[in-house]
Amino acid sequence: MTEDEQMAACFRALSHPTRARLFRLLVTDPATGASYGTLQTATGLTDATLIHHLREMERGHVVGRIRKGAFVSYRIAPALFTRTVSRALAMAGAVRLRDVA
């Protein structure tokens, strides 16, 4: 995946209000994350809808899935996400500096 593709996937992963809400729920406890059931209860989403949004977030490397037997939980995957957002902020800062000069 190219850097541009990664950036697009990362931002697409948060481009829906439901995914933004899931992100907010998961960052409240980034070390532990939240179980699938907890996320479903908190959002009231159907299985199909919740799975769709979580998969989009996984594709963008925003969350990771942890499976222990039948138990599934999700956590923020900070490494690639943070690096991608940092690159975008650096590019935006470079544009802002050029516009000021």
N, C-alpha and C. Protein backbone atom coordinates (compact mmCIF):
# COMPACT_ATOMS: atom_id res chain seq x y z
N MET A 1 0.84 -1.17 0.00
CA MET A 1 0.00 0.00 0.00
C MET A 1 0.89 1.24 0.00
N THR A 2 0.61 2.16 -0.89
CA THR A 2 1.41 3.38 -0.95
C THR A 2 1.05 4.31 0.21
N GLU A 3 1.88 5.31 0.43
CA GLU A 3 1.61 6.28 1.50
C GLU A 3 0.29 7.00 1.25
N ASP A 4 0.01 7.34 0.00
CA ASP A 4 -1.25 8.02 -0.33
C ASP A 4 -2.45 7.10 -0.08
N GLU A 5 -2.32 5.83 -0.44
CA GLU A 5 -3.39 4.88 -0.20
C GLU A 5 -3.63 4.69 1.30
N GLN A 6 -2.54 4.63 2.07
CA GLN A 6 -2.66 4.48 3.51
C GLN A 6 -3.35 5.68 4.13
N MET A 7 -2.98 6.88 3.68
CA MET A 7 -3.61 8.08 4.22
C MET A 7 -5.10 8.10 3.89
N ALA A 8 -5.45 7.74 2.66
CA ALA A 8 -6.85 7.72 2.26
C ALA A 8 -7.63 6.69 3.09
N ALA A 9 -7.05 5.51 3.30
CA ALA A 9 -7.72 4.47 4.08
C ALA A 9 -7.91 4.91 5.53
N CYS A 10 -6.92 5.57 6.08
CA CYS A 10 -6.98 6.03 7.46
C CYS A 10 -8.10 7.05 7.63
N PHE A 11 -8.15 8.03 6.77
CA PHE A 11 -9.19 9.06 6.89
C PHE A 11 -10.56 8.52 6.52
N ARG A 12 -10.63 7.60 5.58
CA ARG A 12 -11.91 6.97 5.23
C ARG A 12 -12.45 6.20 6.44
N ALA A 13 -11.53 5.62 7.22
CA ALA A 13 -11.93 4.84 8.39
C ALA A 13 -12.65 5.69 9.43
N LEU A 14 -12.45 6.99 9.41
CA LEU A 14 -13.11 7.87 10.37
C LEU A 14 -14.09 8.83 9.70
N SER A 15 -14.39 8.60 8.44
CA SER A 15 -15.18 9.56 7.67
C SER A 15 -16.69 9.41 7.84
N HIS A 16 -17.13 8.53 8.70
CA HIS A 16 -18.55 8.34 8.95
C HIS A 16 -18.82 8.64 10.42
N PRO A 17 -19.93 9.31 10.74
CA PRO A 17 -20.22 9.63 12.14
C PRO A 17 -20.25 8.42 13.07
N THR A 18 -20.71 7.29 12.58
CA THR A 18 -20.73 6.09 13.41
C THR A 18 -19.32 5.64 13.75
N ARG A 19 -18.42 5.70 12.77
CA ARG A 19 -17.03 5.30 13.03
C ARG A 19 -16.34 6.30 13.95
N ALA A 20 -16.68 7.57 13.81
CA ALA A 20 -16.13 8.58 14.73
C ALA A 20 -16.60 8.28 16.16
N ARG A 21 -17.84 7.88 16.30
CA ARG A 21 -18.36 7.53 17.64
C ARG A 21 -17.65 6.29 18.19
N LEU A 22 -17.46 5.27 17.35
CA LEU A 22 -16.74 4.07 17.79
C LEU A 22 -15.32 4.43 18.21
N PHE A 23 -14.68 5.32 17.47
CA PHE A 23 -13.33 5.77 17.80
C PHE A 23 -13.34 6.43 19.19
N ARG A 24 -14.31 7.32 19.43
CA ARG A 24 -14.40 7.98 20.74
C ARG A 24 -14.61 6.97 21.86
N LEU A 25 -15.45 5.96 21.61
CA LEU A 25 -15.67 4.93 22.62
C LEU A 25 -14.39 4.15 22.92
N LEU A 26 -13.62 3.85 21.89
CA LEU A 26 -12.41 3.06 22.07
C LEU A 26 -11.26 3.84 22.70
N VAL A 27 -11.19 5.13 22.47
CA VAL A 27 -10.08 5.89 23.06
C VAL A 27 -10.30 6.19 24.54
N THR A 28 -11.49 5.93 25.05
CA THR A 28 -11.70 6.14 26.49
C THR A 28 -10.87 5.16 27.32
N ASP A 29 -10.57 4.00 26.76
CA ASP A 29 -9.71 3.02 27.43
C ASP A 29 -8.83 2.35 26.38
N PRO A 30 -7.82 3.07 25.88
CA PRO A 30 -7.03 2.55 24.75
C PRO A 30 -6.27 1.27 25.03
N ALA A 31 -5.86 1.05 26.27
CA ALA A 31 -5.09 -0.16 26.58
C ALA A 31 -5.97 -1.41 26.54
N THR A 32 -7.19 -1.29 27.00
CA THR A 32 -8.10 -2.44 27.07
C THR A 32 -9.00 -2.52 25.86
N GLY A 33 -9.43 -1.37 25.36
CA GLY A 33 -10.38 -1.36 24.26
C GLY A 33 -11.77 -1.67 24.76
N ALA A 34 -12.57 -2.30 23.92
CA ALA A 34 -13.94 -2.65 24.28
C ALA A 34 -14.34 -3.92 23.56
N SER A 35 -15.18 -4.69 24.22
CA SER A 35 -15.67 -5.91 23.60
C SER A 35 -16.69 -5.55 22.51
N TYR A 36 -16.90 -6.50 21.64
CA TYR A 36 -17.89 -6.32 20.58
C TYR A 36 -19.25 -6.03 21.20
N GLY A 37 -19.60 -6.79 22.23
CA GLY A 37 -20.89 -6.61 22.90
C GLY A 37 -21.04 -5.24 23.52
N THR A 38 -19.96 -4.74 24.12
CA THR A 38 -19.98 -3.41 24.72
C THR A 38 -20.21 -2.35 23.66
N LEU A 39 -19.53 -2.49 22.52
CA LEU A 39 -19.70 -1.53 21.43
C LEU A 39 -21.12 -1.60 20.86
N GLN A 40 -21.65 -2.80 20.76
CA GLN A 40 -23.00 -2.95 20.22
C GLN A 40 -24.03 -2.33 21.17
N THR A 41 -23.86 -2.57 22.46
CA THR A 41 -24.78 -1.99 23.44
C THR A 41 -24.69 -0.47 23.45
N ALA A 42 -23.48 0.06 23.39
CA ALA A 42 -23.28 1.52 23.44
C ALA A 42 -23.83 2.23 22.21
N THR A 43 -23.81 1.55 21.06
CA THR A 43 -24.23 2.20 19.82
C THR A 43 -25.64 1.81 19.39
N GLY A 44 -26.11 0.64 19.81
CA GLY A 44 -27.42 0.16 19.38
C GLY A 44 -27.46 -0.31 17.94
N LEU A 45 -26.28 -0.55 17.36
CA LEU A 45 -26.20 -0.98 15.96
C LEU A 45 -26.51 -2.46 15.81
N THR A 46 -27.03 -2.83 14.66
CA THR A 46 -27.23 -4.24 14.34
C THR A 46 -25.87 -4.89 14.12
N ASP A 47 -25.82 -6.22 14.15
CA ASP A 47 -24.57 -6.94 13.91
C ASP A 47 -23.95 -6.53 12.58
N ALA A 48 -24.76 -6.55 11.51
CA ALA A 48 -24.23 -6.27 10.18
C ALA A 48 -23.65 -4.86 10.09
N THR A 49 -24.33 -3.90 10.68
CA THR A 49 -23.86 -2.51 10.60
C THR A 49 -22.59 -2.32 11.42
N LEU A 50 -22.57 -2.86 12.63
CA LEU A 50 -21.39 -2.73 13.48
C LEU A 50 -20.18 -3.41 12.85
N ILE A 51 -20.37 -4.60 12.33
CA ILE A 51 -19.27 -5.32 11.68
C ILE A 51 -18.74 -4.52 10.48
N HIS A 52 -19.65 -3.96 9.69
CA HIS A 52 -19.23 -3.15 8.53
C HIS A 52 -18.32 -2.00 8.99
N HIS A 53 -18.75 -1.26 9.99
CA HIS A 53 -17.97 -0.10 10.43
C HIS A 53 -16.65 -0.51 11.07
N LEU A 54 -16.65 -1.56 11.86
CA LEU A 54 -15.40 -2.02 12.48
C LEU A 54 -14.41 -2.52 11.42
N ARG A 55 -14.91 -3.18 10.39
CA ARG A 55 -14.02 -3.64 9.31
C ARG A 55 -13.41 -2.47 8.55
N GLU A 56 -14.20 -1.43 8.32
CA GLU A 56 -13.64 -0.24 7.67
C GLU A 56 -12.53 0.36 8.53
N MET A 57 -12.74 0.37 9.82
CA MET A 57 -11.73 0.91 10.73
C MET A 57 -10.49 0.02 10.77
N GLU A 58 -10.68 -1.29 10.66
CA GLU A 58 -9.54 -2.21 10.58
C GLU A 58 -8.76 -1.99 9.28
N ARG A 59 -9.46 -1.84 8.16
CA ARG A 59 -8.80 -1.61 6.87
C ARG A 59 -7.94 -0.36 6.90
N GLY A 60 -8.39 0.64 7.64
CA GLY A 60 -7.63 1.89 7.74
C GLY A 60 -6.58 1.85 8.83
N HIS A 61 -6.42 0.71 9.48
CA HIS A 61 -5.45 0.51 10.56
C HIS A 61 -5.68 1.46 11.73
N VAL A 62 -6.95 1.77 11.97
CA VAL A 62 -7.32 2.61 13.10
C VAL A 62 -7.58 1.74 14.32
N VAL A 63 -8.15 0.56 14.11
CA VAL A 63 -8.40 -0.37 15.22
C VAL A 63 -7.82 -1.73 14.90
N GLY A 64 -7.60 -2.48 15.95
CA GLY A 64 -7.17 -3.87 15.83
C GLY A 64 -8.16 -4.76 16.57
N ARG A 65 -8.30 -5.97 16.08
CA ARG A 65 -9.22 -6.93 16.68
C ARG A 65 -8.43 -7.94 17.49
N ILE A 66 -8.89 -8.24 18.69
CA ILE A 66 -8.25 -9.22 19.55
C ILE A 66 -9.28 -10.32 19.82
N ARG A 67 -8.91 -11.54 19.46
CA ARG A 67 -9.83 -12.68 19.66
C ARG A 67 -9.24 -13.60 20.71
N LYS A 68 -10.05 -13.91 21.72
CA LYS A 68 -9.70 -14.89 22.75
C LYS A 68 -10.84 -15.88 22.82
N GLY A 69 -10.70 -16.99 22.08
CA GLY A 69 -11.79 -17.95 21.98
C GLY A 69 -12.95 -17.31 21.24
N ALA A 70 -14.12 -17.33 21.85
CA ALA A 70 -15.30 -16.73 21.24
C ALA A 70 -15.41 -15.24 21.55
N PHE A 71 -14.56 -14.75 22.43
CA PHE A 71 -14.60 -13.35 22.87
C PHE A 71 -13.80 -12.48 21.90
N VAL A 72 -14.41 -11.41 21.41
CA VAL A 72 -13.73 -10.50 20.49
C VAL A 72 -13.78 -9.09 21.07
N SER A 73 -12.63 -8.44 21.07
CA SER A 73 -12.59 -7.04 21.49
C SER A 73 -11.81 -6.25 20.46
N TYR A 74 -11.96 -4.94 20.54
CA TYR A 74 -11.31 -4.03 19.61
C TYR A 74 -10.55 -2.98 20.39
N ARG A 75 -9.39 -2.61 19.86
CA ARG A 75 -8.55 -1.57 20.46
C ARG A 75 -8.06 -0.62 19.39
N ILE A 76 -7.78 0.59 19.80
CA ILE A 76 -7.16 1.55 18.89
C ILE A 76 -5.78 1.00 18.55
N ALA A 77 -5.42 1.08 17.27
CA ALA A 77 -4.10 0.65 16.79
C ALA A 77 -3.30 1.92 16.52
N PRO A 78 -2.61 2.44 17.52
CA PRO A 78 -2.06 3.79 17.42
C PRO A 78 -0.87 3.97 16.48
N ALA A 79 -0.06 2.97 16.26
CA ALA A 79 1.20 3.18 15.54
C ALA A 79 1.00 3.74 14.13
N LEU A 80 0.35 3.00 13.28
CA LEU A 80 0.18 3.44 11.89
C LEU A 80 -0.76 4.64 11.80
N PHE A 81 -1.81 4.63 12.60
CA PHE A 81 -2.76 5.74 12.62
C PHE A 81 -2.06 7.04 13.01
N THR A 82 -1.29 7.00 14.10
CA THR A 82 -0.58 8.20 14.57
C THR A 82 0.42 8.69 13.54
N ARG A 83 1.15 7.76 12.92
CA ARG A 83 2.13 8.14 11.90
C ARG A 83 1.44 8.80 10.70
N THR A 84 0.30 8.26 10.30
CA THR A 84 -0.43 8.82 9.15
C THR A 84 -0.96 10.22 9.47
N VAL A 85 -1.56 10.38 10.63
CA VAL A 85 -2.09 11.69 11.02
C VAL A 85 -0.94 12.70 11.18
N SER A 86 0.17 12.26 11.74
CA SER A 86 1.33 13.15 11.90
C SER A 86 1.84 13.64 10.54
N ARG A 87 1.89 12.73 9.55
CA ARG A 87 2.32 13.13 8.20
C ARG A 87 1.36 14.17 7.62
N ALA A 88 0.05 13.94 7.79
CA ALA A 88 -0.94 14.87 7.26
C ALA A 88 -0.81 16.24 7.93
N LEU A 89 -0.59 16.24 9.24
CA LEU A 89 -0.41 17.51 9.96
C LEU A 89 0.85 18.23 9.50
N ALA A 90 1.92 17.48 9.25
CA ALA A 90 3.16 18.08 8.77
C ALA A 90 2.95 18.71 7.40
N MET A 91 2.22 18.01 6.53
CA MET A 91 1.94 18.57 5.20
C MET A 91 1.09 19.83 5.31
N ALA A 92 0.08 19.80 6.18
CA ALA A 92 -0.78 20.97 6.37
C ALA A 92 0.03 22.13 6.94
N GLY A 93 0.94 21.83 7.86
CA GLY A 93 1.79 22.87 8.42
C GLY A 93 2.71 23.48 7.38
N ALA A 94 3.23 22.66 6.47
CA ALA A 94 4.11 23.16 5.41
C ALA A 94 3.33 24.09 4.49
N VAL A 95 2.09 23.75 4.20
CA VAL A 95 1.25 24.60 3.35
C VAL A 95 0.99 25.92 4.05
N ARG A 96 0.66 25.85 5.33
CA ARG A 96 0.36 27.06 6.10
C ARG A 96 1.58 27.97 6.14
N LEU A 97 2.77 27.40 6.32
CA LEU A 97 4.00 28.20 6.36
C LEU A 97 4.26 28.87 5.00
N ARG A 98 4.03 28.14 3.91
CA ARG A 98 4.22 28.72 2.58
C ARG A 98 3.25 29.87 2.33
N ASP A 99 2.00 29.70 2.77
CA ASP A 99 0.98 30.73 2.56
C ASP A 99 1.27 32.00 3.33
N VAL A 100 1.92 31.86 4.51
CA VAL A 100 2.24 33.01 5.34
C VAL A 100 3.43 33.77 4.77
N ALA A 101 4.39 33.06 4.20
CA ALA A 101 5.62 33.69 3.71
C ALA A 101 5.42 34.51 2.47
